[in-house]
């Protein structure tokens, strides 16, 4: 998306921020601590008035890291470890999670989806964190069914089989997929 519209892009892998102090790896270390005073997320915001920040596996982040990012999510304001602040309301902040995905059903109301997510986002004591969910507009994406998965897989195999290297080497991909293999791939 960022590339298509010519925006700068910053990716955060949420599962890498599971400790309370790991926020400093994004924003910068406080004065007196080892490490840069201005972290990569702060520098990205400082250098890009417009851009896309994508947080994958949002639910895996430590609750204190999420809390530390709430002003950034709300208003585009981020403070470095050295207490310098930059405000970038032109940054789009998107997050992804699989939290509650197994309970999503077609036709669920937005309120039900938010309640489901609020049950998954908890603090260190297991208390719900609906304030995190309320900062994002959820767009549920249901898993595709087995038949649709098979169709996508076959289409990809057909495209790979049409590549120059396959054609010139006179190689062919079997247009059928063993049902056991299909099920194994689908369940992975």
C-alpha atoms as a PDB file:
ATOM      1  CA  UNK A   1       0.000   0.000   0.000  1.00  0.00           C
ATOM      2  CA  UNK A   2       2.727   2.438   0.968  1.00  0.00           C
ATOM      3  CA  UNK A   3       4.674   1.719  -2.190  1.00  0.00           C
ATOM      4  CA  UNK A   4       1.589   2.059  -4.388  1.00  0.00           C
ATOM      5  CA  UNK A   5       0.882   5.576  -3.117  1.00  0.00           C
ATOM      6  CA  UNK A   6       4.519   6.633  -2.779  1.00  0.00           C
ATOM      7  CA  UNK A   7       4.664   6.770   1.030  1.00  0.00           C
ATOM      8  CA  UNK A   8       7.517   5.927   3.343  1.00  0.00           C
ATOM      9  CA  UNK A   9       7.005   2.679   5.241  1.00  0.00           C
ATOM     10  CA  UNK A  10       8.046   1.509   8.720  1.00  0.00           C
ATOM     11  CA  UNK A  11       7.473  -2.084   9.824  1.00  0.00           C
ATOM     12  CA  UNK A  12       7.279  -3.217  13.450  1.00  0.00           C
ATOM     13  CA  UNK A  13       7.284  -6.939  14.264  1.00  0.00           C
ATOM     14  CA  UNK A  14       5.244  -6.977  17.485  1.00  0.00           C
ATOM     15  CA  UNK A  15       6.648 -10.294  18.688  1.00  0.00           C
ATOM     16  CA  UNK A  16      10.064  -8.617  19.057  1.00  0.00           C
ATOM     17  CA  UNK A  17       8.716  -6.267  21.739  1.00  0.00           C
ATOM     18  CA  UNK A  18       7.595  -8.667  24.471  1.00  0.00           C
ATOM     19  CA  UNK A  19       9.540  -7.110  27.350  1.00  0.00           C
ATOM     20  CA  UNK A  20       8.440  -3.881  29.078  1.00  0.00           C
ATOM     21  CA  UNK A  21      11.760  -2.136  28.376  1.00  0.00           C
ATOM     22  CA  UNK A  22      11.717  -3.007  24.655  1.00  0.00           C
ATOM     23  CA  UNK A  23       9.825   0.221  23.845  1.00  0.00           C
ATOM     24  CA  UNK A  24      13.216   1.942  24.089  1.00  0.00           C
ATOM     25  CA  UNK A  25      14.319  -0.018  21.009  1.00  0.00           C
ATOM     26  CA  UNK A  26      11.655   1.916  19.046  1.00  0.00           C
ATOM     27  CA  UNK A  27      11.715   5.347  20.671  1.00  0.00           C
ATOM     28  CA  UNK A  28      15.226   5.588  22.091  1.00  0.00           C
ATOM     29  CA  UNK A  29      16.915   4.973  25.411  1.00  0.00           C
ATOM     30  CA  UNK A  30      16.287   7.397  28.263  1.00  0.00           C
ATOM     31  CA  UNK A  31      19.173   9.704  29.151  1.00  0.00           C
ATOM     32  CA  UNK A  32      21.744   7.843  31.209  1.00  0.00           C
ATOM     33  CA  UNK A  33      20.969   4.442  29.663  1.00  0.00           C
ATOM     34  CA  UNK A  34      23.022   2.677  27.041  1.00  0.00           C
ATOM     35  CA  UNK A  35      21.782   2.958  23.478  1.00  0.00           C
ATOM     36  CA  UNK A  36      20.722   5.710  21.085  1.00  0.00           C
ATOM     37  CA  UNK A  37      18.639   8.565  22.525  1.00  0.00           C
ATOM     38  CA  UNK A  38      16.468   8.593  19.402  1.00  0.00           C
ATOM     39  CA  UNK A  39      15.159   5.213  18.268  1.00  0.00           C
ATOM     40  CA  UNK A  40      14.257   4.155  14.725  1.00  0.00           C
ATOM     41  CA  UNK A  41      10.506   4.795  15.071  1.00  0.00           C
ATOM     42  CA  UNK A  42      11.150   8.277  16.455  1.00  0.00           C
ATOM     43  CA  UNK A  43      13.611   8.992  13.613  1.00  0.00           C
ATOM     44  CA  UNK A  44      11.134   7.690  11.030  1.00  0.00           C
ATOM     45  CA  UNK A  45       8.438  10.015  12.392  1.00  0.00           C
ATOM     46  CA  UNK A  46      10.903  12.914  12.571  1.00  0.00           C
ATOM     47  CA  UNK A  47      11.971  12.429   8.938  1.00  0.00           C
ATOM     48  CA  UNK A  48       8.556  11.595   7.412  1.00  0.00           C
ATOM     49  CA  UNK A  49       5.564  13.900   7.863  1.00  0.00           C
ATOM     50  CA  UNK A  50       3.534  11.365   5.847  1.00  0.00           C
ATOM     51  CA  UNK A  51       3.967   7.607   5.828  1.00  0.00           C
ATOM     52  CA  UNK A  52       2.648   4.222   6.894  1.00  0.00           C
ATOM     53  CA  UNK A  53       3.634   2.465  10.121  1.00  0.00           C
ATOM     54  CA  UNK A  54       2.550  -1.171  10.199  1.00  0.00           C
ATOM     55  CA  UNK A  55       2.609  -3.153  13.452  1.00  0.00           C
ATOM     56  CA  UNK A  56       2.335  -6.892  12.875  1.00  0.00           C
ATOM     57  CA  UNK A  57       1.307  -9.207  15.722  1.00  0.00           C
ATOM     58  CA  UNK A  58       0.063  -6.292  17.789  1.00  0.00           C
ATOM     59  CA  UNK A  59      -1.243  -8.697  20.429  1.00  0.00           C
ATOM     60  CA  UNK A  60       2.247 -10.090  21.062  1.00  0.00           C
ATOM     61  CA  UNK A  61       3.642  -6.748  22.270  1.00  0.00           C
ATOM     62  CA  UNK A  62       4.115  -6.279  25.987  1.00  0.00           C
ATOM     63  CA  UNK A  63       1.240  -4.240  27.509  1.00  0.00           C
ATOM     64  CA  UNK A  64       3.690  -1.519  28.614  1.00  0.00           C
ATOM     65  CA  UNK A  65       5.030  -1.213  25.061  1.00  0.00           C
ATOM     66  CA  UNK A  66       1.469  -0.841  23.767  1.00  0.00           C
ATOM     67  CA  UNK A  67       0.752   1.773  26.441  1.00  0.00           C
ATOM     68  CA  UNK A  68       3.900   3.631  25.454  1.00  0.00           C
ATOM     69  CA  UNK A  69       2.708   3.805  21.845  1.00  0.00           C
ATOM     70  CA  UNK A  70      -0.832   5.051  22.583  1.00  0.00           C
ATOM     71  CA  UNK A  71      -0.053   8.783  22.063  1.00  0.00           C
ATOM     72  CA  UNK A  72       1.596   7.835  18.790  1.00  0.00           C
ATOM     73  CA  UNK A  73      -1.481   5.885  17.699  1.00  0.00           C
ATOM     74  CA  UNK A  74      -3.896   8.604  18.923  1.00  0.00           C
ATOM     75  CA  UNK A  75      -2.235  11.776  17.698  1.00  0.00           C
ATOM     76  CA  UNK A  76       0.915  10.813  15.841  1.00  0.00           C
ATOM     77  CA  UNK A  77       3.005  12.114  18.750  1.00  0.00           C
ATOM     78  CA  UNK A  78       6.147  10.251  19.721  1.00  0.00           C
ATOM     79  CA  UNK A  79       8.737  11.116  22.343  1.00  0.00           C
ATOM     80  CA  UNK A  80      12.325   9.965  22.074  1.00  0.00           C
ATOM     81  CA  UNK A  81      14.355   8.707  25.015  1.00  0.00           C
ATOM     82  CA  UNK A  82      15.992  12.125  25.278  1.00  0.00           C
ATOM     83  CA  UNK A  83      12.510  13.715  25.777  1.00  0.00           C
ATOM     84  CA  UNK A  84      12.391  15.326  22.308  1.00  0.00           C
ATOM     85  CA  UNK A  85       8.893  15.083  20.846  1.00  0.00           C
ATOM     86  CA  UNK A  86       7.659  15.088  17.275  1.00  0.00           C
ATOM     87  CA  UNK A  87       4.038  15.170  16.132  1.00  0.00           C
ATOM     88  CA  UNK A  88       3.127  13.577  12.819  1.00  0.00           C
ATOM     89  CA  UNK A  89      -0.669  13.399  12.293  1.00  0.00           C
ATOM     90  CA  UNK A  90       0.045  12.503   8.643  1.00  0.00           C
ATOM     91  CA  UNK A  91       1.318   9.065   9.584  1.00  0.00           C
ATOM     92  CA  UNK A  92      -1.077   6.181   9.061  1.00  0.00           C
ATOM     93  CA  UNK A  93      -0.720   3.565  11.766  1.00  0.00           C
ATOM     94  CA  UNK A  94      -2.100   0.111  11.037  1.00  0.00           C
ATOM     95  CA  UNK A  95      -1.896  -3.043  13.088  1.00  0.00           C
ATOM     96  CA  UNK A  96      -2.572  -6.709  12.491  1.00  0.00           C
ATOM     97  CA  UNK A  97      -3.378  -9.494  14.905  1.00  0.00           C
ATOM     98  CA  UNK A  98      -4.618 -13.042  14.862  1.00  0.00           C
ATOM     99  CA  UNK A  99      -6.044 -12.582  18.346  1.00  0.00           C
ATOM    100  CA  UNK A 100      -9.535 -14.049  18.417  1.00  0.00           C
ATOM    101  CA  UNK A 101      -9.367 -15.070  14.749  1.00  0.00           C
ATOM    102  CA  UNK A 102     -10.624 -18.584  15.511  1.00  0.00           C
ATOM    103  CA  UNK A 103     -13.815 -17.073  16.964  1.00  0.00           C
ATOM    104  CA  UNK A 104     -14.595 -14.663  14.112  1.00  0.00           C
ATOM    105  CA  UNK A 105     -17.735 -15.525  12.192  1.00  0.00           C
ATOM    106  CA  UNK A 106     -19.320 -14.042   9.081  1.00  0.00           C
ATOM    107  CA  UNK A 107     -21.838 -11.338   9.912  1.00  0.00           C
ATOM    108  CA  UNK A 108     -20.398 -10.383  13.312  1.00  0.00           C
ATOM    109  CA  UNK A 109     -21.142  -6.796  14.246  1.00  0.00           C
ATOM    110  CA  UNK A 110     -18.287  -4.342  14.676  1.00  0.00           C
ATOM    111  CA  UNK A 111     -19.190  -4.121  18.366  1.00  0.00           C
ATOM    112  CA  UNK A 112     -18.872  -7.919  18.746  1.00  0.00           C
ATOM    113  CA  UNK A 113     -15.509  -7.898  16.964  1.00  0.00           C
ATOM    114  CA  UNK A 114     -14.217  -5.126  19.240  1.00  0.00           C
ATOM    115  CA  UNK A 115     -15.434  -6.991  22.332  1.00  0.00           C
ATOM    116  CA  UNK A 116     -13.702 -10.164  21.142  1.00  0.00           C
ATOM    117  CA  UNK A 117     -10.458  -8.243  20.602  1.00  0.00           C
ATOM    118  CA  UNK A 118     -10.792  -6.458  23.952  1.00  0.00           C
ATOM    119  CA  UNK A 119     -10.808  -9.872  25.644  1.00  0.00           C
ATOM    120  CA  UNK A 120      -7.507 -10.731  23.957  1.00  0.00           C
ATOM    121  CA  UNK A 121      -5.639  -7.515  24.742  1.00  0.00           C
ATOM    122  CA  UNK A 122      -4.877  -7.658  28.456  1.00  0.00           C
ATOM    123  CA  UNK A 123      -2.415  -6.046  30.834  1.00  0.00           C
ATOM    124  CA  UNK A 124       0.187  -7.913  32.897  1.00  0.00           C
ATOM    125  CA  UNK A 125      -2.513  -8.892  35.411  1.00  0.00           C
ATOM    126  CA  UNK A 126      -4.948 -10.260  32.815  1.00  0.00           C
ATOM    127  CA  UNK A 127      -7.288  -7.245  32.843  1.00  0.00           C
ATOM    128  CA  UNK A 128      -8.964  -6.259  29.569  1.00  0.00           C
ATOM    129  CA  UNK A 129      -7.481  -3.363  27.613  1.00  0.00           C
ATOM    130  CA  UNK A 130     -10.424  -2.047  25.548  1.00  0.00           C
ATOM    131  CA  UNK A 131      -8.641   1.312  25.200  1.00  0.00           C
ATOM    132  CA  UNK A 132      -6.173  -0.349  22.842  1.00  0.00           C
ATOM    133  CA  UNK A 133      -8.894  -1.834  20.662  1.00  0.00           C
ATOM    134  CA  UNK A 134     -10.844   1.435  20.578  1.00  0.00           C
ATOM    135  CA  UNK A 135      -7.884   3.216  18.968  1.00  0.00           C
ATOM    136  CA  UNK A 136      -8.079   1.053  15.866  1.00  0.00           C
ATOM    137  CA  UNK A 137     -10.895   0.439  13.401  1.00  0.00           C
ATOM    138  CA  UNK A 138     -10.954  -3.349  13.049  1.00  0.00           C
ATOM    139  CA  UNK A 139     -11.397  -4.924   9.651  1.00  0.00           C
ATOM    140  CA  UNK A 140     -11.966  -8.642  10.255  1.00  0.00           C
ATOM    141  CA  UNK A 141     -10.558 -10.944   7.631  1.00  0.00           C
ATOM    142  CA  UNK A 142     -11.994 -14.427   7.781  1.00  0.00           C
ATOM    143  CA  UNK A 143      -9.931 -17.346   6.620  1.00  0.00           C
ATOM    144  CA  UNK A 144     -10.739 -18.696   3.189  1.00  0.00           C
ATOM    145  CA  UNK A 145     -12.423 -22.057   2.943  1.00  0.00           C
ATOM    146  CA  UNK A 146     -10.581 -25.183   1.811  1.00  0.00           C
ATOM    147  CA  UNK A 147     -11.996 -25.091  -1.744  1.00  0.00           C
ATOM    148  CA  UNK A 148     -10.964 -21.448  -2.268  1.00  0.00           C
ATOM    149  CA  UNK A 149      -7.525 -22.238  -0.844  1.00  0.00           C
ATOM    150  CA  UNK A 150      -7.203 -25.080  -3.365  1.00  0.00           C
ATOM    151  CA  UNK A 151      -8.148 -22.721  -6.215  1.00  0.00           C
ATOM    152  CA  UNK A 152      -5.544 -20.143  -5.140  1.00  0.00           C
ATOM    153  CA  UNK A 153      -2.895 -22.847  -4.821  1.00  0.00           C
ATOM    154  CA  UNK A 154      -3.698 -24.250  -8.289  1.00  0.00           C
ATOM    155  CA  UNK A 155      -3.581 -20.765  -9.825  1.00  0.00           C
ATOM    156  CA  UNK A 156      -0.155 -20.155  -8.291  1.00  0.00           C
ATOM    157  CA  UNK A 157       1.081 -23.530  -9.503  1.00  0.00           C
ATOM    158  CA  UNK A 158      -0.176 -22.719 -13.008  1.00  0.00           C
ATOM    159  CA  UNK A 159       1.676 -19.379 -12.963  1.00  0.00           C
ATOM    160  CA  UNK A 160       4.886 -21.016 -11.738  1.00  0.00           C
ATOM    161  CA  UNK A 161       4.570 -23.723 -14.382  1.00  0.00           C
ATOM    162  CA  UNK A 162       4.299 -21.056 -17.097  1.00  0.00           C
ATOM    163  CA  UNK A 163       7.594 -19.411 -16.156  1.00  0.00           C
ATOM    164  CA  UNK A 164      10.304 -19.357 -18.778  1.00  0.00           C
ATOM    165  CA  UNK A 165      12.616 -21.721 -16.848  1.00  0.00           C
ATOM    166  CA  UNK A 166       9.907 -24.384 -16.542  1.00  0.00           C
ATOM    167  CA  UNK A 167       8.869 -24.118 -20.175  1.00  0.00           C
ATOM    168  CA  UNK A 168      12.399 -24.171 -21.630  1.00  0.00           C
ATOM    169  CA  UNK A 169      13.381 -27.102 -19.382  1.00  0.00           C
ATOM    170  CA  UNK A 170      10.248 -28.912 -20.545  1.00  0.00           C
ATOM    171  CA  UNK A 171       9.067 -29.310 -16.939  1.00  0.00           C
ATOM    172  CA  UNK A 172       5.423 -29.638 -15.948  1.00  0.00           C
ATOM    173  CA  UNK A 173       3.710 -29.272 -12.604  1.00  0.00           C
ATOM    174  CA  UNK A 174       1.063 -31.821 -11.797  1.00  0.00           C
ATOM    175  CA  UNK A 175      -2.268 -29.945 -12.043  1.00  0.00           C
ATOM    176  CA  UNK A 176      -3.735 -32.051  -9.225  1.00  0.00           C
ATOM    177  CA  UNK A 177      -3.070 -31.760  -5.517  1.00  0.00           C
ATOM    178  CA  UNK A 178      -3.153 -34.772  -3.243  1.00  0.00           C
ATOM    179  CA  UNK A 179      -6.063 -34.163  -0.804  1.00  0.00           C
ATOM    180  CA  UNK A 180      -3.865 -35.077   2.209  1.00  0.00           C
ATOM    181  CA  UNK A 181      -1.203 -32.572   1.121  1.00  0.00           C
ATOM    182  CA  UNK A 182      -3.870 -29.926   0.498  1.00  0.00           C
ATOM    183  CA  UNK A 183      -5.293 -30.445   3.996  1.00  0.00           C
ATOM    184  CA  UNK A 184      -1.825 -30.295   5.551  1.00  0.00           C
ATOM    185  CA  UNK A 185      -1.043 -26.988   3.782  1.00  0.00           C
ATOM    186  CA  UNK A 186      -4.455 -25.546   4.623  1.00  0.00           C
ATOM    187  CA  UNK A 187      -4.152 -26.394   8.322  1.00  0.00           C
ATOM    188  CA  UNK A 188      -0.604 -24.943   8.575  1.00  0.00           C
END
